Amino acid sequence: MQTTLRVNHRTVAAALLLGSCLSALAAEAPRAEMPPPASIKPGNYFEFTTSEASMGGCRRWNVKELTSDGMLVSQCKDLLIYQSVANSLNITKMVKTDGEVQYEFKPFMPTMIYPLEVGSKWSGEYAGFTEDTGDKWKSKAQCEAVAFEKVKVVAGEFDAFRIECVDNWRAMMVFSGEKKSTRWYAPKLGTVVKVVHDDPKWNYQLTAYKLD
């Protein structure tokens, strides 16, 4: 009986210690707010590994402008990416400078939300189009910030929120499916530094950056 009691006491002590550690880690996880417009400066840039789908095969994206209608525009060569300031900087489209659409999400692809903290859950519906394949689809994305952890990418190691999303899509009334993706958002940089997608053509990670 005494041995059993000792084991139980140790188990309880270990559980209490683990609970204390988890509480401490939870307390350290920040609440991320959207980067203020004043911090979005032309000339700053983010450079990524080559991703034909996400980045059009272009690597260095320079902050171009914040438009009067609330779009953050970044440019790489003849490509422009638009992010909606009113909708947590989610991407709405990538177009060429001549206006040719490369991909578009209406009203936006809901893979990010502010404020962001571990346990945040959100969802949203959108219509998508990609020029390279001509695909058109409608989708409902559901995302959750499941952890705050360190992530290593080419550009370095960052504290980041791990966001897991499930995209339930349908096309032409007869085709449907599910795509899963994981992205790591680094509050220090105000951007996603890594994406791992079921479809590898959407994968990328940060390789360099400049922030003034």
N, C-alpha and C. Protein backbone atom coordinates (compact mmCIF):
# COMPACT_ATOMS: atom_id res chain seq x y z
N MET A 1 0.83 -1.21 0.00
CA MET A 1 0.00 0.00 0.00
C MET A 1 0.86 1.25 0.00
N GLN A 2 1.96 1.22 0.75
CA GLN A 2 2.82 2.40 0.83
C GLN A 2 3.44 2.69 -0.53
N THR A 3 3.86 1.62 -1.25
CA THR A 3 4.45 1.81 -2.58
C THR A 3 3.45 2.45 -3.52
N THR A 4 2.21 1.97 -3.46
CA THR A 4 1.16 2.54 -4.32
C THR A 4 0.94 4.01 -4.03
N LEU A 5 0.96 4.36 -2.77
CA LEU A 5 0.78 5.75 -2.39
C LEU A 5 1.91 6.62 -2.90
N ARG A 6 3.14 6.09 -2.84
CA ARG A 6 4.28 6.87 -3.32
C ARG A 6 4.16 7.12 -4.82
N VAL A 7 3.77 6.09 -5.56
CA VAL A 7 3.60 6.23 -7.01
C VAL A 7 2.53 7.26 -7.31
N ASN A 8 1.43 7.19 -6.60
CA ASN A 8 0.35 8.14 -6.83
C ASN A 8 0.77 9.57 -6.51
N HIS A 9 1.54 9.74 -5.43
CA HIS A 9 2.02 11.07 -5.08
C HIS A 9 2.93 11.61 -6.17
N ARG A 10 3.78 10.74 -6.71
CA ARG A 10 4.68 11.18 -7.79
C ARG A 10 3.89 11.54 -9.04
N THR A 11 2.87 10.75 -9.31
CA THR A 11 2.04 11.03 -10.48
C THR A 11 1.35 12.38 -10.35
N VAL A 12 0.80 12.62 -9.16
CA VAL A 12 0.14 13.91 -8.91
C VAL A 12 1.13 15.05 -9.02
N ALA A 13 2.34 14.87 -8.46
CA ALA A 13 3.36 15.92 -8.51
C ALA A 13 3.76 16.21 -9.94
N ALA A 14 3.93 15.13 -10.74
CA ALA A 14 4.31 15.31 -12.14
C ALA A 14 3.21 16.03 -12.91
N ALA A 15 1.96 15.67 -12.62
CA ALA A 15 0.84 16.32 -13.30
C ALA A 15 0.77 17.80 -12.95
N LEU A 16 1.00 18.12 -11.68
CA LEU A 16 0.98 19.51 -11.26
C LEU A 16 2.10 20.30 -11.91
N LEU A 17 3.29 19.67 -12.00
CA LEU A 17 4.43 20.34 -12.62
C LEU A 17 4.16 20.58 -14.10
N LEU A 18 3.63 19.56 -14.79
CA LEU A 18 3.30 19.71 -16.20
C LEU A 18 2.26 20.80 -16.40
N GLY A 19 1.25 20.82 -15.53
CA GLY A 19 0.22 21.85 -15.62
C GLY A 19 0.79 23.23 -15.44
N SER A 20 1.74 23.38 -14.52
CA SER A 20 2.38 24.67 -14.28
C SER A 20 3.17 25.11 -15.50
N CYS A 21 3.88 24.14 -16.12
CA CYS A 21 4.68 24.47 -17.31
C CYS A 21 3.78 24.90 -18.46
N LEU A 22 2.68 24.16 -18.65
CA LEU A 22 1.76 24.51 -19.73
C LEU A 22 1.13 25.87 -19.50
N SER A 23 0.80 26.19 -18.26
CA SER A 23 0.23 27.50 -17.94
C SER A 23 1.22 28.60 -18.22
N ALA A 24 2.50 28.35 -17.90
CA ALA A 24 3.54 29.35 -18.14
C ALA A 24 3.71 29.58 -19.63
N LEU A 25 3.68 28.48 -20.41
CA LEU A 25 3.83 28.62 -21.86
C LEU A 25 2.65 29.38 -22.45
N ALA A 26 1.45 29.09 -21.95
CA ALA A 26 0.26 29.79 -22.45
C ALA A 26 0.34 31.28 -22.14
N ALA A 27 0.89 31.61 -20.97
CA ALA A 27 1.00 33.02 -20.59
C ALA A 27 1.99 33.75 -21.47
N GLU A 28 3.02 33.01 -21.98
CA GLU A 28 4.05 33.64 -22.81
C GLU A 28 3.57 33.86 -24.24
N ALA A 29 2.58 33.09 -24.69
CA ALA A 29 2.08 33.24 -26.05
C ALA A 29 1.41 34.60 -26.19
N PRO A 30 1.81 35.38 -27.18
CA PRO A 30 1.29 36.74 -27.31
C PRO A 30 -0.06 36.79 -28.01
N ARG A 31 -0.61 37.96 -28.03
CA ARG A 31 -1.81 38.27 -28.80
C ARG A 31 -1.35 39.19 -29.92
N ALA A 32 -1.45 38.73 -31.15
CA ALA A 32 -0.92 39.49 -32.28
C ALA A 32 -1.99 40.39 -32.87
N GLU A 33 -1.66 41.67 -32.95
CA GLU A 33 -2.53 42.64 -33.60
C GLU A 33 -2.05 42.87 -35.04
N MET A 34 -2.92 43.40 -35.87
CA MET A 34 -2.53 43.67 -37.25
C MET A 34 -1.46 44.76 -37.29
N PRO A 35 -0.42 44.59 -38.11
CA PRO A 35 0.60 45.64 -38.22
C PRO A 35 -0.04 46.97 -38.57
N PRO A 36 0.28 48.05 -37.85
CA PRO A 36 -0.33 49.35 -38.15
C PRO A 36 0.11 49.87 -39.52
N PRO A 37 -0.77 50.59 -40.22
CA PRO A 37 -0.43 51.11 -41.55
C PRO A 37 0.88 51.89 -41.57
N ALA A 38 1.20 52.59 -40.48
CA ALA A 38 2.43 53.39 -40.44
C ALA A 38 3.68 52.52 -40.55
N SER A 39 3.55 51.23 -40.20
CA SER A 39 4.71 50.34 -40.25
C SER A 39 4.90 49.71 -41.63
N ILE A 40 3.92 49.92 -42.50
CA ILE A 40 3.99 49.35 -43.85
C ILE A 40 4.63 50.38 -44.76
N LYS A 41 5.92 50.20 -45.01
CA LYS A 41 6.69 51.23 -45.71
C LYS A 41 7.18 50.75 -47.08
N PRO A 42 6.95 51.55 -48.12
CA PRO A 42 7.51 51.23 -49.42
C PRO A 42 9.03 51.08 -49.32
N GLY A 43 9.56 50.08 -49.99
CA GLY A 43 10.99 49.80 -49.92
C GLY A 43 11.32 48.60 -49.07
N ASN A 44 10.46 48.31 -48.08
CA ASN A 44 10.62 47.07 -47.33
C ASN A 44 10.31 45.89 -48.25
N TYR A 45 10.90 44.76 -47.96
CA TYR A 45 10.62 43.60 -48.81
C TYR A 45 10.69 42.30 -48.03
N PHE A 46 10.05 41.28 -48.62
CA PHE A 46 10.14 39.90 -48.16
C PHE A 46 10.54 39.05 -49.35
N GLU A 47 11.49 38.16 -49.13
CA GLU A 47 11.94 37.26 -50.20
C GLU A 47 11.63 35.83 -49.80
N PHE A 48 11.11 35.06 -50.76
CA PHE A 48 10.66 33.70 -50.47
C PHE A 48 11.28 32.69 -51.44
N THR A 49 11.19 31.42 -51.07
CA THR A 49 11.56 30.37 -52.01
C THR A 49 10.58 30.42 -53.18
N THR A 50 11.00 29.87 -54.30
CA THR A 50 10.17 29.93 -55.50
C THR A 50 8.89 29.12 -55.33
N SER A 51 7.76 29.76 -55.57
CA SER A 51 6.45 29.09 -55.56
C SER A 51 5.67 29.58 -56.77
N GLU A 52 5.48 28.68 -57.72
CA GLU A 52 4.78 29.07 -58.94
C GLU A 52 3.34 29.49 -58.65
N ALA A 53 2.69 28.80 -57.73
CA ALA A 53 1.28 29.09 -57.46
C ALA A 53 1.11 30.33 -56.60
N SER A 54 1.75 30.35 -55.42
CA SER A 54 1.57 31.46 -54.49
C SER A 54 2.20 32.75 -54.97
N MET A 55 3.40 32.64 -55.57
CA MET A 55 4.19 33.82 -55.89
C MET A 55 4.44 34.02 -57.38
N GLY A 56 3.84 33.19 -58.21
CA GLY A 56 4.05 33.33 -59.64
C GLY A 56 5.49 33.10 -60.06
N GLY A 57 6.24 32.34 -59.26
CA GLY A 57 7.64 32.07 -59.57
C GLY A 57 8.57 33.22 -59.25
N CYS A 58 8.03 34.29 -58.65
CA CYS A 58 8.81 35.48 -58.31
C CYS A 58 9.18 35.43 -56.83
N ARG A 59 10.40 35.89 -56.48
CA ARG A 59 10.88 35.67 -55.12
C ARG A 59 10.86 36.91 -54.23
N ARG A 60 11.38 38.05 -54.69
CA ARG A 60 11.48 39.23 -53.82
C ARG A 60 10.29 40.15 -54.03
N TRP A 61 9.49 40.31 -52.96
CA TRP A 61 8.29 41.14 -53.02
C TRP A 61 8.50 42.42 -52.23
N ASN A 62 8.49 43.54 -52.95
CA ASN A 62 8.69 44.85 -52.35
C ASN A 62 7.34 45.50 -52.02
N VAL A 63 7.25 46.09 -50.84
CA VAL A 63 6.05 46.85 -50.49
C VAL A 63 5.96 48.05 -51.43
N LYS A 64 4.87 48.15 -52.18
CA LYS A 64 4.72 49.21 -53.17
C LYS A 64 3.92 50.39 -52.63
N GLU A 65 2.73 50.11 -52.11
CA GLU A 65 1.88 51.20 -51.63
C GLU A 65 0.71 50.67 -50.82
N LEU A 66 0.11 51.59 -50.08
CA LEU A 66 -1.16 51.34 -49.40
C LEU A 66 -2.17 52.23 -50.09
N THR A 67 -3.09 51.65 -50.83
CA THR A 67 -3.99 52.42 -51.67
C THR A 67 -5.10 53.09 -50.86
N SER A 68 -5.74 54.07 -51.47
CA SER A 68 -6.81 54.81 -50.80
C SER A 68 -8.03 53.94 -50.52
N ASP A 69 -8.18 52.84 -51.28
CA ASP A 69 -9.31 51.95 -51.04
C ASP A 69 -8.95 50.78 -50.13
N GLY A 70 -7.81 50.90 -49.42
CA GLY A 70 -7.49 49.93 -48.38
C GLY A 70 -6.83 48.66 -48.84
N MET A 71 -6.02 48.73 -49.87
CA MET A 71 -5.29 47.57 -50.34
C MET A 71 -3.79 47.76 -50.14
N LEU A 72 -3.14 46.79 -49.53
CA LEU A 72 -1.69 46.77 -49.45
C LEU A 72 -1.18 46.08 -50.70
N VAL A 73 -0.35 46.78 -51.47
CA VAL A 73 0.13 46.25 -52.74
C VAL A 73 1.62 45.98 -52.65
N SER A 74 2.01 44.76 -53.01
CA SER A 74 3.42 44.38 -53.08
C SER A 74 3.74 44.00 -54.51
N GLN A 75 4.99 44.27 -54.93
CA GLN A 75 5.36 44.04 -56.33
C GLN A 75 6.64 43.23 -56.44
N CYS A 76 6.64 42.32 -57.42
CA CYS A 76 7.84 41.57 -57.81
C CYS A 76 7.86 41.54 -59.33
N LYS A 77 8.83 42.24 -59.91
CA LYS A 77 8.91 42.36 -61.36
C LYS A 77 7.58 42.90 -61.91
N ASP A 78 6.91 42.12 -62.79
CA ASP A 78 5.66 42.63 -63.37
C ASP A 78 4.42 42.06 -62.67
N LEU A 79 4.60 41.56 -61.45
CA LEU A 79 3.48 40.98 -60.71
C LEU A 79 3.12 41.84 -59.49
N LEU A 80 1.83 41.91 -59.20
CA LEU A 80 1.33 42.66 -58.05
C LEU A 80 0.43 41.76 -57.21
N ILE A 81 0.64 41.75 -55.90
CA ILE A 81 -0.24 41.04 -54.98
C ILE A 81 -1.00 42.06 -54.15
N TYR A 82 -2.32 41.86 -54.02
CA TYR A 82 -3.19 42.76 -53.26
C TYR A 82 -3.67 42.06 -51.99
N GLN A 83 -3.56 42.78 -50.86
CA GLN A 83 -4.05 42.29 -49.58
C GLN A 83 -5.02 43.30 -48.99
N SER A 84 -6.13 42.81 -48.46
CA SER A 84 -7.18 43.68 -47.93
C SER A 84 -6.90 44.08 -46.48
N VAL A 85 -6.67 45.37 -46.26
CA VAL A 85 -6.40 45.87 -44.91
C VAL A 85 -7.62 45.68 -44.01
N ALA A 86 -8.81 45.87 -44.55
CA ALA A 86 -10.04 45.74 -43.76
C ALA A 86 -10.34 44.29 -43.40
N ASN A 87 -9.67 43.36 -44.06
CA ASN A 87 -9.93 41.94 -43.83
C ASN A 87 -8.65 41.20 -43.44
N SER A 88 -7.98 41.73 -42.41
CA SER A 88 -6.81 41.08 -41.80
C SER A 88 -5.68 40.79 -42.78
N LEU A 89 -5.54 41.65 -43.79
CA LEU A 89 -4.46 41.53 -44.77
C LEU A 89 -4.50 40.22 -45.55
N ASN A 90 -5.69 39.64 -45.68
CA ASN A 90 -5.83 38.44 -46.50
C ASN A 90 -5.71 38.81 -47.98
N ILE A 91 -5.16 37.89 -48.75
CA ILE A 91 -4.91 38.13 -50.17
C ILE A 91 -6.21 38.09 -50.97
N THR A 92 -6.34 39.04 -51.89
CA THR A 92 -7.50 39.06 -52.78
C THR A 92 -7.14 38.65 -54.21
N LYS A 93 -5.91 38.98 -54.65
CA LYS A 93 -5.55 38.62 -56.03
C LYS A 93 -4.07 38.86 -56.29
N MET A 94 -3.60 38.21 -57.35
CA MET A 94 -2.29 38.52 -57.93
C MET A 94 -2.52 38.80 -59.41
N VAL A 95 -2.05 39.95 -59.87
CA VAL A 95 -2.24 40.36 -61.26
C VAL A 95 -0.91 40.83 -61.84
N LYS A 96 -0.84 40.86 -63.16
CA LYS A 96 0.30 41.48 -63.82
C LYS A 96 0.07 42.99 -63.89
N THR A 97 1.13 43.73 -64.13
CA THR A 97 1.01 45.19 -64.18
C THR A 97 0.10 45.64 -65.33
N ASP A 98 -0.11 44.77 -66.33
CA ASP A 98 -1.03 45.12 -67.42
C ASP A 98 -2.48 44.76 -67.08
N GLY A 99 -2.70 44.24 -65.86
CA GLY A 99 -4.05 43.93 -65.42
C GLY A 99 -4.46 42.48 -65.56
N GLU A 100 -3.65 41.66 -66.21
CA GLU A 100 -4.01 40.25 -66.39
C GLU A 100 -4.01 39.52 -65.04
N VAL A 101 -5.14 38.90 -64.71
CA VAL A 101 -5.29 38.21 -63.43
C VAL A 101 -4.57 36.87 -63.46
N GLN A 102 -3.73 36.62 -62.45
CA GLN A 102 -3.04 35.34 -62.31
C GLN A 102 -3.80 34.41 -61.37
N TYR A 103 -4.29 34.96 -60.28
CA TYR A 103 -5.26 34.26 -59.44
C TYR A 103 -6.08 35.30 -58.69
N GLU A 104 -7.26 34.89 -58.25
CA GLU A 104 -8.15 35.83 -57.55
C GLU A 104 -9.03 35.07 -56.57
N PHE A 105 -9.23 35.67 -55.40
CA PHE A 105 -10.11 35.11 -54.38
C PHE A 105 -11.13 36.18 -53.99
N LYS A 106 -12.41 35.90 -54.19
CA LYS A 106 -13.45 36.88 -53.89
C LYS A 106 -14.30 36.38 -52.72
N PRO A 107 -14.49 37.20 -51.66
CA PRO A 107 -13.90 38.53 -51.48
C PRO A 107 -12.42 38.49 -51.09
N PHE A 108 -11.96 37.38 -50.48
CA PHE A 108 -10.55 37.19 -50.11
C PHE A 108 -10.40 35.77 -49.59
N MET A 109 -9.17 35.27 -49.54
CA MET A 109 -8.92 33.95 -48.97
C MET A 109 -8.72 34.09 -47.46
N PRO A 110 -9.61 33.53 -46.63
CA PRO A 110 -9.61 33.80 -45.19
C PRO A 110 -8.64 32.93 -44.38
N THR A 111 -7.35 33.05 -44.65
CA THR A 111 -6.37 32.22 -43.94
C THR A 111 -5.70 32.95 -42.78
N MET A 112 -6.12 34.18 -42.50
CA MET A 112 -5.53 34.96 -41.42
C MET A 112 -6.61 35.78 -40.74
N ILE A 113 -6.41 36.05 -39.44
CA ILE A 113 -7.34 36.91 -38.71
C ILE A 113 -6.59 37.67 -37.63
N TYR A 114 -7.03 38.89 -37.36
CA TYR A 114 -6.51 39.70 -36.24
C TYR A 114 -7.69 40.13 -35.38
N PRO A 115 -7.45 40.25 -34.05
CA PRO A 115 -6.23 39.83 -33.35
C PRO A 115 -6.11 38.31 -33.37
N LEU A 116 -4.87 37.83 -33.23
CA LEU A 116 -4.58 36.40 -33.32
C LEU A 116 -3.95 35.91 -32.03
N GLU A 117 -4.46 34.80 -31.53
CA GLU A 117 -3.88 34.17 -30.35
C GLU A 117 -4.14 32.67 -30.43
N VAL A 118 -3.39 31.91 -29.65
CA VAL A 118 -3.59 30.46 -29.64
C VAL A 118 -5.03 30.16 -29.24
N GLY A 119 -5.70 29.35 -30.05
CA GLY A 119 -7.10 29.04 -29.82
C GLY A 119 -8.05 29.80 -30.71
N SER A 120 -7.56 30.83 -31.41
CA SER A 120 -8.42 31.57 -32.34
C SER A 120 -8.92 30.64 -33.44
N LYS A 121 -10.21 30.71 -33.72
CA LYS A 121 -10.82 29.92 -34.78
C LYS A 121 -11.64 30.85 -35.67
N TRP A 122 -11.62 30.60 -36.96
CA TRP A 122 -12.41 31.41 -37.87
C TRP A 122 -12.68 30.63 -39.16
N SER A 123 -13.62 31.12 -39.92
CA SER A 123 -13.96 30.48 -41.19
C SER A 123 -14.49 31.54 -42.15
N GLY A 124 -14.54 31.18 -43.42
CA GLY A 124 -15.05 32.11 -44.41
C GLY A 124 -15.21 31.43 -45.75
N GLU A 125 -16.12 31.94 -46.55
CA GLU A 125 -16.36 31.40 -47.89
C GLU A 125 -15.79 32.35 -48.93
N TYR A 126 -15.31 31.77 -50.03
CA TYR A 126 -14.76 32.58 -51.11
C TYR A 126 -14.89 31.83 -52.43
N ALA A 127 -14.73 32.58 -53.52
CA ALA A 127 -14.69 31.99 -54.86
C ALA A 127 -13.28 32.19 -55.40
N GLY A 128 -12.69 31.13 -55.96
CA GLY A 128 -11.31 31.20 -56.41
C GLY A 128 -11.16 30.98 -57.91
N PHE A 129 -10.06 31.52 -58.45
CA PHE A 129 -9.72 31.35 -59.86
C PHE A 129 -8.21 31.37 -60.01
N THR A 130 -7.66 30.44 -60.80
CA THR A 130 -6.24 30.47 -61.13
C THR A 130 -6.07 30.44 -62.64
N GLU A 131 -5.24 31.34 -63.15
CA GLU A 131 -5.07 31.49 -64.58
C GLU A 131 -4.30 30.34 -65.20
N ASP A 132 -3.32 29.79 -64.46
CA ASP A 132 -2.45 28.77 -65.06
C ASP A 132 -3.20 27.50 -65.46
N THR A 133 -4.23 27.14 -64.70
CA THR A 133 -5.02 25.95 -65.02
C THR A 133 -6.43 26.28 -65.49
N GLY A 134 -6.84 27.53 -65.28
CA GLY A 134 -8.20 27.92 -65.62
C GLY A 134 -9.24 27.44 -64.63
N ASP A 135 -8.77 26.93 -63.49
CA ASP A 135 -9.69 26.39 -62.49
C ASP A 135 -10.53 27.49 -61.84
N LYS A 136 -11.80 27.18 -61.63
CA LYS A 136 -12.70 28.04 -60.86
C LYS A 136 -13.39 27.16 -59.82
N TRP A 137 -13.50 27.67 -58.61
CA TRP A 137 -14.12 26.87 -57.56
C TRP A 137 -14.71 27.78 -56.48
N LYS A 138 -15.56 27.19 -55.66
CA LYS A 138 -16.07 27.85 -54.47
C LYS A 138 -15.64 27.04 -53.26
N SER A 139 -15.37 27.73 -52.17
CA SER A 139 -14.79 27.03 -51.05
C SER A 139 -15.19 27.64 -49.72
N LYS A 140 -15.14 26.80 -48.68
CA LYS A 140 -15.26 27.28 -47.30
C LYS A 140 -14.01 26.85 -46.56
N ALA A 141 -13.28 27.83 -46.05
CA ALA A 141 -12.05 27.55 -45.31
C ALA A 141 -12.31 27.69 -43.82
N GLN A 142 -11.77 26.76 -43.05
CA GLN A 142 -11.85 26.80 -41.59
C GLN A 142 -10.44 26.72 -41.03
N CYS A 143 -10.08 27.68 -40.19
CA CYS A 143 -8.71 27.77 -39.68
C CYS A 143 -8.69 27.88 -38.16
N GLU A 144 -7.56 27.47 -37.59
CA GLU A 144 -7.36 27.58 -36.15
C GLU A 144 -5.88 27.81 -35.86
N ALA A 145 -5.60 28.73 -34.94
CA ALA A 145 -4.23 28.93 -34.45
C ALA A 145 -4.02 27.92 -33.33
N VAL A 146 -3.25 26.88 -33.60
CA VAL A 146 -3.17 25.75 -32.67
C VAL A 146 -1.97 25.81 -31.73
N ALA A 147 -0.97 26.63 -32.05
CA ALA A 147 0.23 26.67 -31.19
C ALA A 147 1.01 27.94 -31.45
N PHE A 148 1.86 28.29 -30.48
CA PHE A 148 2.85 29.36 -30.65
C PHE A 148 4.19 28.71 -30.39
N GLU A 149 5.03 28.66 -31.42
CA GLU A 149 6.24 27.85 -31.36
C GLU A 149 7.34 28.46 -32.23
N LYS A 150 8.52 27.92 -32.10
CA LYS A 150 9.64 28.37 -32.94
C LYS A 150 9.60 27.61 -34.26
N VAL A 151 9.90 28.32 -35.33
CA VAL A 151 9.96 27.69 -36.64
C VAL A 151 11.24 28.16 -37.33
N LYS A 152 11.93 27.23 -37.97
CA LYS A 152 13.16 27.54 -38.69
C LYS A 152 12.88 27.60 -40.18
N VAL A 153 13.31 28.69 -40.80
CA VAL A 153 13.23 28.84 -42.24
C VAL A 153 14.59 29.33 -42.72
N VAL A 154 14.74 29.50 -44.01
CA VAL A 154 16.03 29.94 -44.55
C VAL A 154 16.46 31.28 -43.96
N ALA A 155 15.50 32.17 -43.71
CA ALA A 155 15.80 33.51 -43.20
C ALA A 155 16.17 33.53 -41.72
N GLY A 156 15.97 32.41 -41.01
CA GLY A 156 16.30 32.37 -39.59
C GLY A 156 15.26 31.62 -38.78
N GLU A 157 15.32 31.79 -37.48
CA GLU A 157 14.37 31.14 -36.57
C GLU A 157 13.47 32.21 -35.96
N PHE A 158 12.16 31.94 -35.95
CA PHE A 158 11.20 32.93 -35.46
C PHE A 158 10.18 32.28 -34.54
N ASP A 159 9.68 33.09 -33.59
CA ASP A 159 8.52 32.68 -32.80
C ASP A 159 7.29 32.91 -33.67
N ALA A 160 6.46 31.89 -33.80
CA ALA A 160 5.36 32.00 -34.76
C ALA A 160 4.12 31.24 -34.29
N PHE A 161 2.98 31.73 -34.74
CA PHE A 161 1.73 31.01 -34.56
C PHE A 161 1.63 29.95 -35.66
N ARG A 162 1.32 28.73 -35.27
CA ARG A 162 1.04 27.68 -36.26
C ARG A 162 -0.46 27.65 -36.52
N ILE A 163 -0.82 27.93 -37.76
CA ILE A 163 -2.22 28.02 -38.16
C ILE A 163 -2.54 26.85 -39.09
N GLU A 164 -3.54 26.08 -38.73
CA GLU A 164 -3.94 24.94 -39.55
C GLU A 164 -5.30 25.23 -40.18
N CYS A 165 -5.38 25.03 -41.49
CA CYS A 165 -6.61 25.32 -42.23
C CYS A 165 -7.08 24.10 -43.02
N VAL A 166 -8.38 23.97 -43.13
CA VAL A 166 -9.01 22.96 -43.98
C VAL A 166 -9.90 23.69 -44.98
N ASP A 167 -9.66 23.43 -46.25
CA ASP A 167 -10.38 24.10 -47.33
C ASP A 167 -11.30 23.09 -48.01
N ASN A 168 -12.59 23.24 -47.84
CA ASN A 168 -13.57 22.36 -48.50
C ASN A 168 -14.08 23.04 -49.76
N TRP A 169 -13.70 22.49 -50.91
CA TRP A 169 -13.99 23.14 -52.17
C TRP A 169 -14.98 22.32 -53.01
N ARG A 170 -15.59 23.03 -53.95
CA ARG A 170 -16.47 22.37 -54.91
C ARG A 170 -16.38 23.13 -56.23
N ALA A 171 -16.53 22.38 -57.33
CA ALA A 171 -16.42 22.99 -58.66
C ALA A 171 -17.39 22.31 -59.62
N MET A 172 -18.01 23.10 -60.46
CA MET A 172 -18.90 22.60 -61.53
C MET A 172 -20.02 21.72 -60.99
N MET A 173 -20.39 21.90 -59.73
CA MET A 173 -21.52 21.21 -59.12
C MET A 173 -21.32 19.71 -58.94
N VAL A 174 -20.25 19.14 -59.51
CA VAL A 174 -20.06 17.68 -59.41
C VAL A 174 -18.75 17.29 -58.76
N PHE A 175 -17.78 18.20 -58.73
CA PHE A 175 -16.49 17.89 -58.14
C PHE A 175 -16.37 18.58 -56.78
N SER A 176 -15.76 17.88 -55.84
CA SER A 176 -15.53 18.47 -54.52
C SER A 176 -14.36 17.77 -53.86
N GLY A 177 -13.83 18.40 -52.83
CA GLY A 177 -12.69 17.80 -52.14
C GLY A 177 -12.28 18.63 -50.95
N GLU A 178 -11.17 18.22 -50.36
CA GLU A 178 -10.66 18.89 -49.17
C GLU A 178 -9.16 19.08 -49.30
N LYS A 179 -8.69 20.26 -48.99
CA LYS A 179 -7.26 20.56 -48.97
C LYS A 179 -6.88 21.08 -47.60
N LYS A 180 -5.76 20.58 -47.08
CA LYS A 180 -5.26 21.03 -45.79
C LYS A 180 -3.97 21.81 -45.97
N SER A 181 -3.78 22.81 -45.13
CA SER A 181 -2.55 23.60 -45.18
C SER A 181 -2.17 24.05 -43.78
N THR A 182 -0.88 24.24 -43.59
CA THR A 182 -0.36 24.77 -42.33
C THR A 182 0.53 25.95 -42.65
N ARG A 183 0.36 27.04 -41.92
CA ARG A 183 1.20 28.22 -42.13
C ARG A 183 1.69 28.72 -40.78
N TRP A 184 2.85 29.34 -40.80
CA TRP A 184 3.45 29.89 -39.58
C TRP A 184 3.55 31.40 -39.73
N TYR A 185 2.87 32.11 -38.83
CA TYR A 185 2.85 33.57 -38.86
C TYR A 185 3.74 34.11 -37.75
N ALA A 186 4.74 34.92 -38.12
CA ALA A 186 5.68 35.50 -37.16
C ALA A 186 5.28 36.93 -36.84
N PRO A 187 4.77 37.21 -35.64
CA PRO A 187 4.34 38.57 -35.28
C PRO A 187 5.46 39.60 -35.40
N LYS A 188 6.69 39.19 -35.14
CA LYS A 188 7.82 40.12 -35.21
C LYS A 188 7.95 40.73 -36.60
N LEU A 189 7.65 39.93 -37.62
CA LEU A 189 7.77 40.40 -39.00
C LEU A 189 6.43 40.83 -39.59
N GLY A 190 5.35 40.39 -38.97
CA GLY A 190 4.03 40.73 -39.50
C GLY A 190 3.71 40.01 -40.79
N THR A 191 4.25 38.80 -40.96
CA THR A 191 3.97 38.04 -42.18
C THR A 191 4.06 36.55 -41.93
N VAL A 192 3.49 35.79 -42.84
CA VAL A 192 3.63 34.33 -42.82
C VAL A 192 5.01 33.98 -43.34
N VAL A 193 5.76 33.17 -42.59
CA VAL A 193 7.13 32.85 -42.97
C VAL A 193 7.27 31.46 -43.59
N LYS A 194 6.20 30.66 -43.47
CA LYS A 194 6.27 29.31 -44.04
C LYS A 194 4.87 28.78 -44.29
N VAL A 195 4.70 28.09 -45.43
CA VAL A 195 3.44 27.43 -45.75
C VAL A 195 3.73 26.01 -46.22
N VAL A 196 3.00 25.05 -45.67
CA VAL A 196 3.05 23.66 -46.13
C VAL A 196 1.63 23.28 -46.51
N HIS A 197 1.44 22.93 -47.78
CA HIS A 197 0.11 22.69 -48.34
C HIS A 197 0.02 21.27 -48.89
N ASP A 198 -1.19 20.71 -48.89
CA ASP A 198 -1.40 19.41 -49.51
C ASP A 198 -0.92 19.40 -50.96
N ASP A 199 -1.12 20.53 -51.64
CA ASP A 199 -0.64 20.70 -53.01
C ASP A 199 0.67 21.47 -52.95
N PRO A 200 1.82 20.80 -53.15
CA PRO A 200 3.13 21.42 -52.94
C PRO A 200 3.40 22.68 -53.75
N LYS A 201 2.65 22.91 -54.83
CA LYS A 201 2.93 24.09 -55.64
C LYS A 201 2.62 25.39 -54.89
N TRP A 202 1.88 25.28 -53.76
CA TRP A 202 1.57 26.46 -52.95
C TRP A 202 2.56 26.65 -51.80
N ASN A 203 3.51 25.73 -51.64
CA ASN A 203 4.45 25.81 -50.52
C ASN A 203 5.48 26.93 -50.72
N TYR A 204 5.89 27.55 -49.62
CA TYR A 204 7.01 28.50 -49.66
C TYR A 204 7.50 28.76 -48.25
N GLN A 205 8.69 29.38 -48.17
CA GLN A 205 9.19 29.85 -46.88
C GLN A 205 10.05 31.09 -47.10
N LEU A 206 10.19 31.87 -46.05
CA LEU A 206 10.92 33.14 -46.11
C LEU A 206 12.42 32.88 -46.19
N THR A 207 13.10 33.58 -47.11
CA THR A 207 14.55 33.43 -47.25
C THR A 207 15.31 34.69 -46.85
N ALA A 208 14.67 35.85 -46.93
CA ALA A 208 15.32 37.12 -46.56
C ALA A 208 14.25 38.19 -46.41
N TYR A 209 14.61 39.29 -45.74
CA TYR A 209 13.64 40.38 -45.58
C TYR A 209 14.37 41.66 -45.21
N LYS A 210 13.68 42.78 -45.42
CA LYS A 210 14.16 44.09 -45.00
C LYS A 210 12.98 44.85 -44.41
N LEU A 211 13.12 45.27 -43.15
CA LEU A 211 12.09 46.07 -42.48
C LEU A 211 12.74 47.28 -41.84
N ASP A 212 12.30 48.47 -42.22
CA ASP A 212 12.84 49.70 -41.63
C ASP A 212 12.05 50.09 -40.39
